[in-house]
């Protein structure tokens, strides 16, 4: 009887990580920062999208799982497992697409801006923040990282944001709503975006009612809520470039 090779299914990655994978360029080398189980780089390698990957984490614990999974899926020759803080030393692996997923926006910003390699021509950043969206976008804008594209994805009962950025060295300004919701998401104005904007609007309204009633200054929140309402009134926003407003 002919011996058949044992086949392994692809790693079961979440919808939010699957959305990130859509933006990885064919034939690229990738870095997965804070990799945990390394399912995303393994998925990209097994699908034939990425040619090489470096999986990093600041803690040894997650990297134990990473090595086990890399061995299980038979991709050890294509994956470097590297313990480091953020992107320190990443230049020796020369990744084309750098994925930073599942972290707070301010931590992502620190990791990006502290690494000179992220400013190298041809390098792209695929970011999936869990919080501090406005702070992340403002920091990217201030430090010359242009937002090429954005997307939203539903995963369970949550909606997540994905940003694809490159360094241009040119700073720009975004409006409060653009900082929170994303200029490209606003431009796309999809049904999912409108649902997402409504979620943030309800949060703002509750904050205004609660803090305003207690005597706190909520003028900035009121202006942001007004801007989001104006966006939602529009069936389709006009095309605008970074810094041109809405």
Protein backbone atom coordinates (compact mmCIF):
# COMPACT_ATOMS: atom_id res chain seq x y z
CA UNK A 1 0.00 0.00 0.00
CA UNK A 2 1.29 3.43 -0.92
CA UNK A 3 2.39 5.52 2.05
CA UNK A 4 0.64 8.84 2.19
CA UNK A 5 2.15 11.93 3.74
CA UNK A 6 0.38 13.09 6.85
CA UNK A 7 -1.31 16.40 6.07
CA UNK A 8 -2.02 19.16 8.55
CA UNK A 9 -4.90 21.60 8.40
CA UNK A 10 -4.22 25.30 8.35
CA UNK A 11 -4.13 27.00 11.75
CA UNK A 12 -7.56 28.20 12.81
CA UNK A 13 -7.03 31.96 12.90
CA UNK A 14 -9.63 34.47 14.02
CA UNK A 15 -11.52 36.75 11.59
CA UNK A 16 -9.53 39.78 12.79
CA UNK A 17 -6.21 38.08 12.00
CA UNK A 18 -7.58 36.72 8.73
CA UNK A 19 -8.38 40.33 7.80
CA UNK A 20 -4.79 41.34 8.53
CA UNK A 21 -3.54 38.48 6.34
CA UNK A 22 -5.43 39.94 3.35
CA UNK A 23 -2.99 42.84 3.20
CA UNK A 24 0.24 40.81 3.23
CA UNK A 25 1.97 41.04 -0.13
CA UNK A 26 2.63 37.86 -2.10
CA UNK A 27 6.18 36.63 -1.74
CA UNK A 28 6.99 38.89 1.19
CA UNK A 29 8.96 38.20 4.33
CA UNK A 30 6.84 38.96 7.37
CA UNK A 31 7.37 39.79 11.02
CA UNK A 32 4.68 38.97 13.57
CA UNK A 33 5.26 41.05 16.71
CA UNK A 34 3.82 39.63 19.92
CA UNK A 35 3.19 36.42 18.01
CA UNK A 36 1.82 34.28 20.85
CA UNK A 37 1.08 30.96 19.06
CA UNK A 38 2.45 32.11 15.66
CA UNK A 39 -0.76 31.05 13.91
CA UNK A 40 -0.77 34.08 11.61
CA UNK A 41 2.74 33.64 10.13
CA UNK A 42 2.22 29.87 9.90
CA UNK A 43 -1.04 30.45 8.04
CA UNK A 44 0.67 32.84 5.61
CA UNK A 45 3.49 30.38 4.95
CA UNK A 46 1.20 27.38 4.46
CA UNK A 47 -0.98 29.41 2.07
CA UNK A 48 2.09 30.32 0.06
CA UNK A 49 1.63 34.06 0.59
CA UNK A 50 4.76 34.68 2.68
CA UNK A 51 8.15 33.20 1.84
CA UNK A 52 9.72 33.67 5.28
CA UNK A 53 8.65 34.82 8.74
CA UNK A 54 10.10 35.98 12.02
CA UNK A 55 7.87 35.49 15.05
CA UNK A 56 8.72 37.65 18.05
CA UNK A 57 7.60 38.09 21.62
CA UNK A 58 9.04 39.79 24.66
CA UNK A 59 8.25 36.78 26.88
CA UNK A 60 9.69 33.29 26.68
CA UNK A 61 6.39 31.59 27.59
CA UNK A 62 4.56 32.38 24.32
CA UNK A 63 7.66 31.48 22.32
CA UNK A 64 7.54 27.93 23.71
CA UNK A 65 4.11 27.56 22.06
CA UNK A 66 5.47 29.25 18.95
CA UNK A 67 8.29 26.70 18.57
CA UNK A 68 5.91 23.80 19.18
CA UNK A 69 3.53 25.05 16.48
CA UNK A 70 6.30 25.83 14.02
CA UNK A 71 7.53 22.24 14.41
CA UNK A 72 4.01 20.78 14.22
CA UNK A 73 3.20 22.56 10.96
CA UNK A 74 6.59 21.69 9.45
CA UNK A 75 7.68 25.27 8.75
CA UNK A 76 10.71 25.48 11.03
CA UNK A 77 13.02 26.15 8.06
CA UNK A 78 10.97 29.21 7.14
CA UNK A 79 10.37 30.72 10.60
CA UNK A 80 12.82 32.43 12.94
CA UNK A 81 11.61 32.53 16.55
CA UNK A 82 13.10 35.61 18.16
CA UNK A 83 12.72 36.93 21.69
CA UNK A 84 12.87 40.72 21.74
CA UNK A 85 11.07 43.83 22.96
CA UNK A 86 8.92 45.05 20.10
CA UNK A 87 11.05 45.39 16.98
CA UNK A 88 14.49 45.67 18.58
CA UNK A 89 16.97 43.93 16.29
CA UNK A 90 14.37 43.11 13.63
CA UNK A 91 16.51 44.57 10.84
CA UNK A 92 18.65 41.41 10.70
CA UNK A 93 15.60 39.52 9.41
CA UNK A 94 14.69 42.24 6.86
CA UNK A 95 10.89 41.75 6.88
CA UNK A 96 8.82 43.46 4.19
CA UNK A 97 5.47 43.41 6.01
CA UNK A 98 5.44 43.94 9.78
CA UNK A 99 2.28 42.79 11.60
CA UNK A 100 1.51 44.14 15.06
CA UNK A 101 -1.86 42.82 16.23
CA UNK A 102 -3.91 42.61 19.40
CA UNK A 103 -2.16 45.37 21.36
CA UNK A 104 -3.19 48.77 22.62
CA UNK A 105 -2.68 51.63 20.19
CA UNK A 106 -0.18 53.46 22.38
CA UNK A 107 2.00 50.36 22.74
CA UNK A 108 1.88 49.80 18.97
CA UNK A 109 2.90 53.41 18.44
CA UNK A 110 5.88 53.06 20.77
CA UNK A 111 7.03 49.89 19.05
CA UNK A 112 6.77 51.49 15.61
CA UNK A 113 8.34 54.87 16.34
CA UNK A 114 11.23 53.48 18.37
CA UNK A 115 12.38 51.29 15.46
CA UNK A 116 14.40 52.94 12.70
CA UNK A 117 13.75 49.96 10.43
CA UNK A 118 10.04 50.87 10.14
CA UNK A 119 11.15 53.96 8.21
CA UNK A 120 12.93 51.91 5.54
CA UNK A 121 11.61 52.22 1.97
CA UNK A 122 9.45 49.25 1.01
CA UNK A 123 8.50 48.28 4.55
CA UNK A 124 4.80 48.24 5.37
CA UNK A 125 3.10 48.15 8.76
CA UNK A 126 -0.06 46.09 9.26
CA UNK A 127 -1.56 47.25 12.55
CA UNK A 128 -4.56 45.89 14.44
CA UNK A 129 -5.04 47.97 17.60
CA UNK A 130 -7.39 46.95 20.41
CA UNK A 131 -7.71 50.44 21.91
CA UNK A 132 -6.40 54.03 21.77
CA UNK A 133 -7.22 54.37 18.08
CA UNK A 134 -7.06 58.17 18.05
CA UNK A 135 -3.75 58.22 19.93
CA UNK A 136 -2.26 55.72 17.48
CA UNK A 137 -3.34 57.63 14.37
CA UNK A 138 -2.21 60.97 15.78
CA UNK A 139 1.20 59.53 16.58
CA UNK A 140 1.50 57.99 13.13
CA UNK A 141 0.49 61.29 11.52
CA UNK A 142 2.88 63.35 13.66
CA UNK A 143 5.77 61.01 12.89
CA UNK A 144 5.26 60.77 9.13
CA UNK A 145 3.62 57.36 8.75
CA UNK A 146 0.99 57.56 6.02
CA UNK A 147 -2.17 55.45 6.24
CA UNK A 148 -2.44 53.66 2.89
CA UNK A 149 -5.63 51.78 3.62
CA UNK A 150 -7.86 50.68 6.48
CA UNK A 151 -10.56 48.13 7.05
CA UNK A 152 -13.06 46.97 9.63
CA UNK A 153 -13.87 43.37 10.45
CA UNK A 154 -16.46 41.73 12.68
CA UNK A 155 -15.12 39.06 15.00
CA UNK A 156 -17.75 37.66 17.35
CA UNK A 157 -19.62 40.56 18.90
CA UNK A 158 -16.76 43.02 18.31
CA UNK A 159 -15.69 45.15 15.35
CA UNK A 160 -11.95 45.62 14.90
CA UNK A 161 -9.85 48.10 12.92
CA UNK A 162 -6.91 47.26 10.65
CA UNK A 163 -4.47 49.92 9.39
CA UNK A 164 -1.87 49.55 6.65
CA UNK A 165 0.85 52.22 6.88
CA UNK A 166 4.13 53.24 5.27
CA UNK A 167 6.69 55.83 6.28
CA UNK A 168 6.87 58.94 4.11
CA UNK A 169 8.44 61.37 6.56
CA UNK A 170 5.66 63.89 5.96
CA UNK A 171 3.46 64.75 8.93
CA UNK A 172 -0.20 65.58 8.45
CA UNK A 173 -3.31 66.45 10.42
CA UNK A 174 -6.48 64.44 10.89
CA UNK A 175 -9.78 65.62 12.31
CA UNK A 176 -11.04 64.15 15.63
CA UNK A 177 -13.42 61.76 13.84
CA UNK A 178 -10.69 60.69 11.41
CA UNK A 179 -8.39 59.97 14.33
CA UNK A 180 -11.00 57.81 16.03
CA UNK A 181 -12.64 56.08 13.08
CA UNK A 182 -10.03 56.30 10.33
CA UNK A 183 -9.95 58.54 7.23
CA UNK A 184 -10.05 55.56 4.85
CA UNK A 185 -12.91 53.92 6.75
CA UNK A 186 -14.86 57.19 6.57
CA UNK A 187 -14.18 57.44 2.85
CA UNK A 188 -15.31 53.86 2.28
CA UNK A 189 -18.48 54.51 4.31
CA UNK A 190 -19.48 50.84 4.35
CA UNK A 191 -22.44 49.43 6.24
CA UNK A 192 -20.05 47.98 8.81
CA UNK A 193 -18.40 51.37 9.21
CA UNK A 194 -21.75 53.03 9.83
CA UNK A 195 -22.56 50.45 12.48
CA UNK A 196 -19.15 50.99 14.05
CA UNK A 197 -19.55 54.78 14.02
CA UNK A 198 -22.94 54.44 15.71
CA UNK A 199 -21.36 52.38 18.48
CA UNK A 200 -18.82 55.12 19.18
CA UNK A 201 -21.51 57.78 18.95
CA UNK A 202 -23.61 56.05 21.60
CA UNK A 203 -20.54 55.82 23.86
CA UNK A 204 -19.89 59.53 23.36
CA UNK A 205 -23.50 60.45 24.12
CA UNK A 206 -23.38 58.47 27.36
CA UNK A 207 -20.09 60.12 28.31
CA UNK A 208 -21.44 63.59 27.54
CA UNK A 209 -24.55 62.98 29.61
CA UNK A 210 -22.64 61.48 32.54
CA UNK A 211 -19.62 63.79 32.72
CA UNK A 212 -21.48 66.88 31.53
CA UNK A 213 -24.11 66.36 34.18
CA UNK A 214 -21.35 66.19 36.78
CA UNK A 215 -19.94 69.53 35.68
CA UNK A 216 -16.96 68.32 33.64
CA UNK A 217 -15.89 70.00 30.41
CA UNK A 218 -17.21 67.87 27.55
CA UNK A 219 -16.89 70.40 24.72
CA UNK A 220 -14.41 68.24 22.77
CA UNK A 221 -16.71 65.24 23.10
CA UNK A 222 -19.68 67.29 21.90
CA UNK A 223 -17.72 68.46 18.83
CA UNK A 224 -16.60 64.91 18.05
CA UNK A 225 -20.16 63.60 18.35
CA UNK A 226 -21.33 66.37 16.02
CA UNK A 227 -18.67 65.45 13.46
CA UNK A 228 -19.65 61.77 13.56
CA UNK A 229 -23.33 62.68 13.12
CA UNK A 230 -22.47 64.76 10.08
CA UNK A 231 -20.56 61.81 8.61
CA UNK A 232 -23.50 59.50 9.20
CA UNK A 233 -25.87 61.95 7.50
CA UNK A 234 -23.85 61.63 4.30
CA UNK A 235 -24.58 58.71 1.99
CA UNK A 236 -21.06 58.83 0.60
CA UNK A 237 -18.23 61.09 1.73
CA UNK A 238 -16.13 62.86 -0.88
CA UNK A 239 -12.64 61.57 -1.50
CA UNK A 240 -10.15 63.39 0.71
CA UNK A 241 -6.45 62.98 1.31
CA UNK A 242 -4.80 62.76 4.69
CA UNK A 243 -4.98 66.18 6.30
CA UNK A 244 -7.66 67.60 3.99
CA UNK A 245 -10.45 67.08 6.51
CA UNK A 246 -13.85 65.56 5.82
